[in-house]
N, C-alpha and C. Protein backbone atom coordinates (compact mmCIF):
# COMPACT_ATOMS: atom_id res chain seq x y z
N UNK A 1 0.85 -1.17 0.00
CA UNK A 1 0.00 0.00 0.00
C UNK A 1 0.89 1.23 0.00
N UNK A 2 0.73 2.13 -0.92
CA UNK A 2 1.56 3.31 -1.03
C UNK A 2 1.37 4.18 0.20
N UNK A 3 2.47 4.70 0.73
CA UNK A 3 2.42 5.58 1.88
C UNK A 3 2.37 4.85 3.21
N UNK A 4 2.57 3.54 3.20
CA UNK A 4 2.53 2.76 4.43
C UNK A 4 3.81 1.98 4.60
N UNK A 5 4.24 1.84 5.83
CA UNK A 5 5.30 0.91 6.17
C UNK A 5 4.82 0.10 7.37
N UNK A 6 5.34 -1.09 7.52
CA UNK A 6 4.98 -1.91 8.68
C UNK A 6 6.23 -2.39 9.37
N UNK A 7 6.10 -2.60 10.66
CA UNK A 7 7.17 -3.25 11.41
C UNK A 7 6.56 -4.40 12.18
N UNK A 8 7.29 -5.48 12.27
CA UNK A 8 6.85 -6.67 12.99
C UNK A 8 8.08 -7.32 13.60
N UNK A 9 7.88 -8.30 14.44
CA UNK A 9 9.03 -8.96 15.07
C UNK A 9 9.97 -9.57 14.04
N UNK A 10 11.25 -9.57 14.37
CA UNK A 10 12.26 -10.19 13.49
C UNK A 10 12.18 -11.71 13.61
N UNK A 11 12.59 -12.42 12.56
CA UNK A 11 12.62 -13.88 12.63
C UNK A 11 13.50 -14.35 13.78
N UNK A 12 13.14 -15.52 14.34
CA UNK A 12 13.94 -16.11 15.40
C UNK A 12 14.47 -17.44 14.89
N UNK A 13 15.78 -17.57 14.86
CA UNK A 13 16.38 -18.83 14.44
C UNK A 13 16.09 -19.13 12.98
N UNK A 14 16.11 -20.42 12.60
CA UNK A 14 15.94 -20.79 11.21
C UNK A 14 14.48 -20.72 10.73
N UNK A 15 13.54 -20.47 11.64
CA UNK A 15 12.13 -20.42 11.28
C UNK A 15 11.60 -19.01 11.50
N UNK A 16 10.63 -18.63 10.68
CA UNK A 16 10.04 -17.30 10.85
C UNK A 16 9.25 -17.26 12.14
N UNK A 17 8.33 -18.19 12.34
CA UNK A 17 7.58 -18.32 13.59
C UNK A 17 7.76 -19.75 14.05
N UNK A 18 8.45 -19.97 15.14
CA UNK A 18 8.71 -21.32 15.58
C UNK A 18 7.90 -21.75 16.78
N UNK A 19 7.81 -20.94 17.78
CA UNK A 19 7.15 -21.31 19.02
C UNK A 19 5.91 -20.44 19.21
N UNK A 20 5.08 -20.79 20.17
CA UNK A 20 3.96 -19.88 20.46
C UNK A 20 4.53 -18.47 20.65
N UNK A 21 3.96 -17.50 19.97
CA UNK A 21 4.55 -16.17 19.90
C UNK A 21 3.50 -15.08 20.08
N UNK A 22 3.98 -13.93 20.48
CA UNK A 22 3.17 -12.72 20.54
C UNK A 22 3.82 -11.70 19.63
N UNK A 23 3.03 -11.02 18.81
CA UNK A 23 3.57 -10.02 17.90
C UNK A 23 2.83 -8.71 18.07
N UNK A 24 3.56 -7.62 18.00
CA UNK A 24 3.01 -6.28 17.93
C UNK A 24 3.43 -5.71 16.59
N UNK A 25 2.46 -5.21 15.82
CA UNK A 25 2.73 -4.71 14.48
C UNK A 25 2.34 -3.24 14.43
N UNK A 26 3.23 -2.41 13.89
CA UNK A 26 2.96 -0.98 13.70
C UNK A 26 2.84 -0.70 12.21
N UNK A 27 1.77 -0.01 11.84
CA UNK A 27 1.55 0.39 10.46
C UNK A 27 1.68 1.92 10.44
N UNK A 28 2.68 2.43 9.76
CA UNK A 28 2.94 3.87 9.73
C UNK A 28 2.44 4.46 8.43
N UNK A 29 1.63 5.50 8.52
CA UNK A 29 1.18 6.22 7.33
C UNK A 29 2.26 7.24 7.00
N UNK A 30 3.10 6.93 6.02
CA UNK A 30 4.19 7.81 5.63
C UNK A 30 3.79 8.74 4.49
N UNK A 31 2.52 8.67 4.11
CA UNK A 31 2.01 9.51 3.03
C UNK A 31 1.63 10.89 3.53
N UNK A 32 1.05 11.70 2.65
CA UNK A 32 0.68 13.07 2.99
C UNK A 32 -0.82 13.25 3.19
N UNK A 33 -1.58 12.17 3.11
CA UNK A 33 -3.03 12.28 3.32
C UNK A 33 -3.53 11.15 4.22
N UNK A 34 -4.69 11.38 4.80
CA UNK A 34 -5.31 10.39 5.67
C UNK A 34 -5.71 9.16 4.87
N UNK A 35 -5.53 8.00 5.46
CA UNK A 35 -5.95 6.76 4.83
C UNK A 35 -7.06 6.15 5.68
N UNK A 36 -8.16 5.76 5.02
CA UNK A 36 -9.28 5.14 5.70
C UNK A 36 -9.29 3.65 5.39
N UNK A 37 -9.46 2.86 6.41
CA UNK A 37 -9.51 1.40 6.32
C UNK A 37 -8.19 0.82 5.84
N UNK A 38 -7.60 0.00 6.67
CA UNK A 38 -6.34 -0.64 6.34
C UNK A 38 -6.49 -2.15 6.48
N UNK A 39 -5.64 -2.86 5.79
CA UNK A 39 -5.53 -4.30 5.95
C UNK A 39 -4.13 -4.72 5.54
N UNK A 40 -3.67 -5.78 6.15
CA UNK A 40 -2.34 -6.33 5.84
C UNK A 40 -2.51 -7.84 5.67
N UNK A 41 -1.89 -8.38 4.64
CA UNK A 41 -1.96 -9.82 4.38
C UNK A 41 -0.55 -10.39 4.38
N UNK A 42 -0.40 -11.56 4.99
CA UNK A 42 0.88 -12.26 4.98
C UNK A 42 0.62 -13.76 4.91
N UNK A 43 1.67 -14.50 4.65
CA UNK A 43 1.56 -15.96 4.60
C UNK A 43 2.47 -16.57 5.65
N UNK A 44 1.96 -17.53 6.40
CA UNK A 44 2.76 -18.27 7.35
C UNK A 44 3.65 -19.25 6.58
N UNK A 45 4.86 -19.50 7.05
CA UNK A 45 5.70 -20.48 6.40
C UNK A 45 5.40 -21.91 6.86
N UNK A 46 4.62 -22.05 7.91
CA UNK A 46 4.29 -23.38 8.45
C UNK A 46 2.80 -23.46 8.76
N UNK A 47 2.46 -24.12 9.84
CA UNK A 47 1.05 -24.30 10.19
C UNK A 47 0.64 -23.47 11.40
N UNK A 48 1.16 -22.27 11.51
CA UNK A 48 0.82 -21.39 12.61
C UNK A 48 -0.64 -20.95 12.53
N UNK A 49 -1.20 -20.62 13.69
CA UNK A 49 -2.58 -20.16 13.75
C UNK A 49 -2.69 -19.03 14.76
N UNK A 50 -3.51 -18.04 14.44
CA UNK A 50 -3.79 -16.95 15.35
C UNK A 50 -4.70 -17.47 16.46
N UNK A 51 -4.35 -17.19 17.70
CA UNK A 51 -5.19 -17.60 18.82
C UNK A 51 -5.87 -16.43 19.50
N UNK A 52 -5.36 -15.22 19.30
CA UNK A 52 -5.93 -14.04 19.93
C UNK A 52 -5.42 -12.81 19.18
N UNK A 53 -6.25 -11.77 19.11
CA UNK A 53 -5.83 -10.53 18.44
C UNK A 53 -6.37 -9.33 19.19
N UNK A 54 -5.67 -8.21 19.04
CA UNK A 54 -6.17 -6.94 19.60
C UNK A 54 -6.01 -5.86 18.55
N UNK A 55 -6.93 -4.94 18.51
CA UNK A 55 -6.96 -3.80 17.58
C UNK A 55 -7.08 -4.20 16.12
N UNK A 56 -7.51 -5.42 15.83
CA UNK A 56 -7.71 -5.88 14.45
C UNK A 56 -8.61 -7.10 14.45
N UNK A 57 -9.27 -7.29 13.32
CA UNK A 57 -9.97 -8.54 13.06
C UNK A 57 -9.05 -9.33 12.15
N UNK A 58 -8.76 -10.56 12.52
CA UNK A 58 -7.83 -11.36 11.75
C UNK A 58 -8.55 -12.59 11.20
N UNK A 59 -8.40 -12.79 9.89
CA UNK A 59 -8.98 -13.96 9.24
C UNK A 59 -7.86 -14.75 8.59
N UNK A 60 -8.06 -16.05 8.47
CA UNK A 60 -7.04 -16.90 7.88
C UNK A 60 -7.68 -17.94 6.98
N UNK A 61 -6.98 -18.24 5.89
CA UNK A 61 -7.36 -19.31 4.99
C UNK A 61 -6.09 -20.06 4.64
N UNK A 62 -5.96 -21.25 5.19
CA UNK A 62 -4.73 -22.03 5.06
C UNK A 62 -3.57 -21.21 5.61
N UNK A 63 -2.54 -20.94 4.82
CA UNK A 63 -1.39 -20.20 5.34
C UNK A 63 -1.51 -18.69 5.17
N UNK A 64 -2.52 -18.21 4.44
CA UNK A 64 -2.68 -16.77 4.22
C UNK A 64 -3.51 -16.15 5.33
N UNK A 65 -3.00 -15.05 5.90
CA UNK A 65 -3.63 -14.37 7.03
C UNK A 65 -3.83 -12.91 6.66
N UNK A 66 -4.98 -12.34 7.03
CA UNK A 66 -5.24 -10.93 6.79
C UNK A 66 -5.73 -10.28 8.07
N UNK A 67 -5.14 -9.15 8.41
CA UNK A 67 -5.58 -8.33 9.54
C UNK A 67 -6.28 -7.09 8.99
N UNK A 68 -7.47 -6.79 9.52
CA UNK A 68 -8.27 -5.63 9.11
C UNK A 68 -8.47 -4.72 10.30
N UNK A 69 -8.58 -3.42 10.01
CA UNK A 69 -8.85 -2.46 11.07
C UNK A 69 -10.20 -2.74 11.73
N UNK A 70 -10.38 -2.20 12.92
CA UNK A 70 -11.67 -2.20 13.58
C UNK A 70 -12.31 -0.83 13.35
N UNK A 71 -13.54 -0.64 13.75
CA UNK A 71 -14.23 0.64 13.49
C UNK A 71 -13.52 1.82 14.16
N UNK A 72 -12.95 1.63 15.33
CA UNK A 72 -12.33 2.73 16.07
C UNK A 72 -10.91 3.07 15.61
N UNK A 73 -10.28 2.23 14.77
CA UNK A 73 -8.91 2.55 14.31
C UNK A 73 -8.80 2.46 12.78
N UNK A 74 -9.90 2.76 12.11
CA UNK A 74 -9.93 2.66 10.64
C UNK A 74 -9.24 3.84 9.96
N UNK A 75 -9.22 4.99 10.60
CA UNK A 75 -8.64 6.19 10.00
C UNK A 75 -7.27 6.47 10.60
N UNK A 76 -6.29 6.64 9.72
CA UNK A 76 -4.93 6.94 10.16
C UNK A 76 -4.45 8.19 9.42
N UNK A 77 -4.23 9.24 10.17
CA UNK A 77 -3.80 10.52 9.59
C UNK A 77 -2.39 10.42 9.03
N UNK A 78 -2.05 11.33 8.13
CA UNK A 78 -0.69 11.40 7.60
C UNK A 78 0.29 11.55 8.76
N UNK A 79 1.34 10.76 8.75
CA UNK A 79 2.35 10.82 9.80
C UNK A 79 1.98 10.06 11.06
N UNK A 80 0.80 9.47 11.12
CA UNK A 80 0.36 8.74 12.31
C UNK A 80 0.55 7.23 12.12
N UNK A 81 0.34 6.49 13.18
CA UNK A 81 0.49 5.04 13.17
C UNK A 81 -0.80 4.36 13.58
N UNK A 82 -0.99 3.15 13.11
CA UNK A 82 -2.00 2.23 13.62
C UNK A 82 -1.23 1.02 14.14
N UNK A 83 -1.71 0.42 15.20
CA UNK A 83 -1.04 -0.75 15.74
C UNK A 83 -2.04 -1.86 15.99
N UNK A 84 -1.57 -3.09 15.89
CA UNK A 84 -2.36 -4.23 16.31
C UNK A 84 -1.41 -5.29 16.80
N UNK A 85 -1.96 -6.26 17.48
CA UNK A 85 -1.14 -7.34 17.99
C UNK A 85 -1.89 -8.64 17.92
N UNK A 86 -1.13 -9.73 18.05
CA UNK A 86 -1.77 -11.04 18.04
C UNK A 86 -0.88 -12.05 18.74
N UNK A 87 -1.51 -13.15 19.09
CA UNK A 87 -0.79 -14.31 19.60
C UNK A 87 -0.99 -15.42 18.58
N UNK A 88 0.07 -16.18 18.34
CA UNK A 88 0.00 -17.28 17.39
C UNK A 88 0.62 -18.52 18.02
N UNK A 89 0.15 -19.65 17.58
CA UNK A 89 0.68 -20.92 18.04
C UNK A 89 0.71 -21.88 16.86
N UNK A 90 1.18 -23.07 17.09
CA UNK A 90 1.23 -24.07 16.03
C UNK A 90 1.07 -25.45 16.65
N UNK A 91 0.82 -26.41 15.81
CA UNK A 91 0.85 -27.80 16.24
C UNK A 91 1.73 -28.56 15.26
N UNK A 92 2.45 -29.53 15.74
CA UNK A 92 3.34 -30.29 14.85
C UNK A 92 4.59 -29.51 14.52
N UNK A 93 5.09 -29.68 13.31
CA UNK A 93 6.29 -28.99 12.85
C UNK A 93 5.99 -27.52 12.69
N UNK A 94 6.74 -26.62 13.33
CA UNK A 94 6.40 -25.20 13.29
C UNK A 94 6.62 -24.51 11.97
N UNK A 95 7.57 -24.97 11.17
CA UNK A 95 7.81 -24.29 9.89
C UNK A 95 8.69 -25.15 9.00
N UNK A 96 8.77 -24.75 7.77
CA UNK A 96 9.64 -25.43 6.83
C UNK A 96 11.04 -24.86 6.96
N UNK A 97 12.00 -25.69 7.15
CA UNK A 97 13.38 -25.22 7.28
C UNK A 97 14.06 -25.19 5.93
N UNK A 98 14.86 -24.17 5.71
CA UNK A 98 15.56 -24.01 4.43
C UNK A 98 16.71 -25.00 4.33
């Protein structure tokens, strides 16, 4: 999305998400105008699953995950940030190793 940057936890070890984890994600509006409604999509490298979320609605289909704003944090002014967080876990092998 133009005018946006995101930050999330750095990978740990040889896997992107290996153990039950908590993540805080910051979405920065680096553009010059207000943006209404945001969403971010990513793919898990293994069989991770979201178990809890805050400041976002999170949906998943297989390995693809999308976080959407809630009604109270849909608008992000130029130069401002939106944040959300989640907890994820896995069962079995946590990820594919390179």
